[in-house]
Structures are given as C-alpha cells and as structure tokens.
Amino acid sequence: MMTSHEFYLFRVRDPISGKWGQTRYKITDQTAHELYGEGNYEPIVHTREVRTGYAEGIAFDKYINRSSG
C-alpha cells in the first residue's frame, strides 16, 4: 500500500542553553515530536517535501519497478 509523508527541516530548541537551531535533515512532524517534545520544535514551512512510498517505509516512489504489472 502506497502512503505519502510530509518532511520538513525544523527549528529546534536546545534543552540546555534554550537557543534555537535547525535540524540537519528533513523529518516528519511525528518524529520531531518524539525527539524534541511539545513546544521545542517548529517546522520551516518552505522546506516541505512530500515523499511517497510503501507503508513498510524504505521503498520510495522513484525506486518502484514500473516494468512489472
């Protein structure tokens, strides 16, 4: 089953210094919540990337074998 996910770069707050920084890679909102906690992150909206793939996660649309089927 094909699914799509929205990935963003995020501004995140350092828990020790309280300063804001930026993630080095694009992650989903759910992953940001798990890693940084409520209120310690915000998406950088213009960096939005939609990735389509299988529910299992690894095979994204550009790797699908289009010759079968």
C-alpha atoms as a PDB file:
ATOM      1  CA  MET A   1       0.000   0.000   0.000  1.00  0.00           C
ATOM      2  CA  MET A   2       1.381   3.392  -1.031  1.00  0.00           C
ATOM      3  CA  THR A   3       1.497   6.192   1.525  1.00  0.00           C
ATOM      4  CA  SER A   4       2.792   9.758   1.462  1.00  0.00           C
ATOM      5  CA  HIS A   5       4.561  11.663   4.224  1.00  0.00           C
ATOM      6  CA  GLU A   6       5.496  15.321   4.604  1.00  0.00           C
ATOM      7  CA  PHE A   7       9.100  16.017   5.601  1.00  0.00           C
ATOM      8  CA  TYR A   8      10.442  19.374   6.819  1.00  0.00           C
ATOM      9  CA  LEU A   9      13.545  20.935   8.235  1.00  0.00           C
ATOM     10  CA  PHE A  10      12.743  22.032  11.794  1.00  0.00           C
ATOM     11  CA  ARG A  11      13.797  24.767  14.150  1.00  0.00           C
ATOM     12  CA  VAL A  12      14.515  23.061  17.466  1.00  0.00           C
ATOM     13  CA  ARG A  13      15.284  24.362  20.943  1.00  0.00           C
ATOM     14  CA  ASP A  14      18.393  23.127  22.742  1.00  0.00           C
ATOM     15  CA  PRO A  15      17.274  21.803  26.156  1.00  0.00           C
ATOM     16  CA  ILE A  16      20.373  23.095  27.975  1.00  0.00           C
ATOM     17  CA  SER A  17      21.010  26.546  26.514  1.00  0.00           C
ATOM     18  CA  GLY A  18      17.470  27.283  25.304  1.00  0.00           C
ATOM     19  CA  LYS A  19      18.841  28.516  21.963  1.00  0.00           C
ATOM     20  CA  TRP A  20      17.091  27.688  18.712  1.00  0.00           C
ATOM     21  CA  GLY A  21      18.882  25.774  15.947  1.00  0.00           C
ATOM     22  CA  GLN A  22      17.981  23.912  12.774  1.00  0.00           C
ATOM     23  CA  THR A  23      17.896  20.184  12.080  1.00  0.00           C
ATOM     24  CA  ARG A  24      20.444  18.868   9.576  1.00  0.00           C
ATOM     25  CA  TYR A  25      17.965  16.559   7.865  1.00  0.00           C
ATOM     26  CA  LYS A  26      14.280  16.512   6.998  1.00  0.00           C
ATOM     27  CA  ILE A  27      11.961  14.647   9.354  1.00  0.00           C
ATOM     28  CA  THR A  28       8.211  14.284   9.848  1.00  0.00           C
ATOM     29  CA  ASP A  29       6.205  16.205  12.446  1.00  0.00           C
ATOM     30  CA  GLN A  30       5.651  12.978  14.387  1.00  0.00           C
ATOM     31  CA  THR A  31       9.402  12.264  14.537  1.00  0.00           C
ATOM     32  CA  ALA A  32      10.119  15.839  15.663  1.00  0.00           C
ATOM     33  CA  HIS A  33       7.576  15.465  18.473  1.00  0.00           C
ATOM     34  CA  GLU A  34       9.190  12.188  19.607  1.00  0.00           C
ATOM     35  CA  LEU A  35      12.734  13.613  19.504  1.00  0.00           C
ATOM     36  CA  TYR A  36      12.236  17.125  20.881  1.00  0.00           C
ATOM     37  CA  GLY A  37       8.942  17.167  22.810  1.00  0.00           C
ATOM     38  CA  GLU A  38       5.970  19.507  22.653  1.00  0.00           C
ATOM     39  CA  GLY A  39       6.824  23.179  22.199  1.00  0.00           C
ATOM     40  CA  ASN A  40      10.511  22.604  21.444  1.00  0.00           C
ATOM     41  CA  TYR A  41      10.263  22.468  17.658  1.00  0.00           C
ATOM     42  CA  GLU A  42       8.555  24.189  14.739  1.00  0.00           C
ATOM     43  CA  PRO A  43       8.627  23.280  11.037  1.00  0.00           C
ATOM     44  CA  ILE A  44      10.266  25.547   8.482  1.00  0.00           C
ATOM     45  CA  VAL A  45       7.285  25.565   6.133  1.00  0.00           C
ATOM     46  CA  HIS A  46       9.019  26.450   2.856  1.00  0.00           C
ATOM     47  CA  THR A  47      11.242  23.317   3.160  1.00  0.00           C
ATOM     48  CA  ARG A  48       8.260  20.950   2.773  1.00  0.00           C
ATOM     49  CA  GLU A  49       8.964  17.754   0.813  1.00  0.00           C
ATOM     50  CA  VAL A  50       6.300  15.114   0.127  1.00  0.00           C
ATOM     51  CA  ARG A  51       7.636  11.587  -0.190  1.00  0.00           C
ATOM     52  CA  THR A  52       5.505   8.738  -1.467  1.00  0.00           C
ATOM     53  CA  GLY A  53       6.376   5.155  -0.639  1.00  0.00           C
ATOM     54  CA  TYR A  54       5.216   1.886   0.790  1.00  0.00           C
ATOM     55  CA  ALA A  55       3.858   1.575   4.309  1.00  0.00           C
ATOM     56  CA  GLU A  56       6.933  -0.516   5.204  1.00  0.00           C
ATOM     57  CA  GLY A  57       8.921   2.665   4.731  1.00  0.00           C
ATOM     58  CA  ILE A  58      12.018   2.069   2.627  1.00  0.00           C
ATOM     59  CA  ALA A  59      10.861   1.849  -0.997  1.00  0.00           C
ATOM     60  CA  PHE A  60      10.021   5.338  -2.234  1.00  0.00           C
ATOM     61  CA  ASP A  61       8.208   6.018  -5.479  1.00  0.00           C
ATOM     62  CA  LYS A  62      11.321   6.598  -7.616  1.00  0.00           C
ATOM     63  CA  TYR A  63      12.557   3.055  -6.870  1.00  0.00           C
ATOM     64  CA  ILE A  64       9.398   1.225  -7.972  1.00  0.00           C
ATOM     65  CA  ASN A  65       9.907  -1.246 -10.796  1.00  0.00           C
ATOM     66  CA  ARG A  66       7.491   0.188 -13.353  1.00  0.00           C
ATOM     67  CA  SER A  67       8.066  -2.589 -15.919  1.00  0.00           C
ATOM     68  CA  SER A  68       6.149  -5.229 -13.943  1.00  0.00           C
ATOM     69  CA  GLY A  69       2.423  -5.449 -13.715  1.00  0.00           C
END
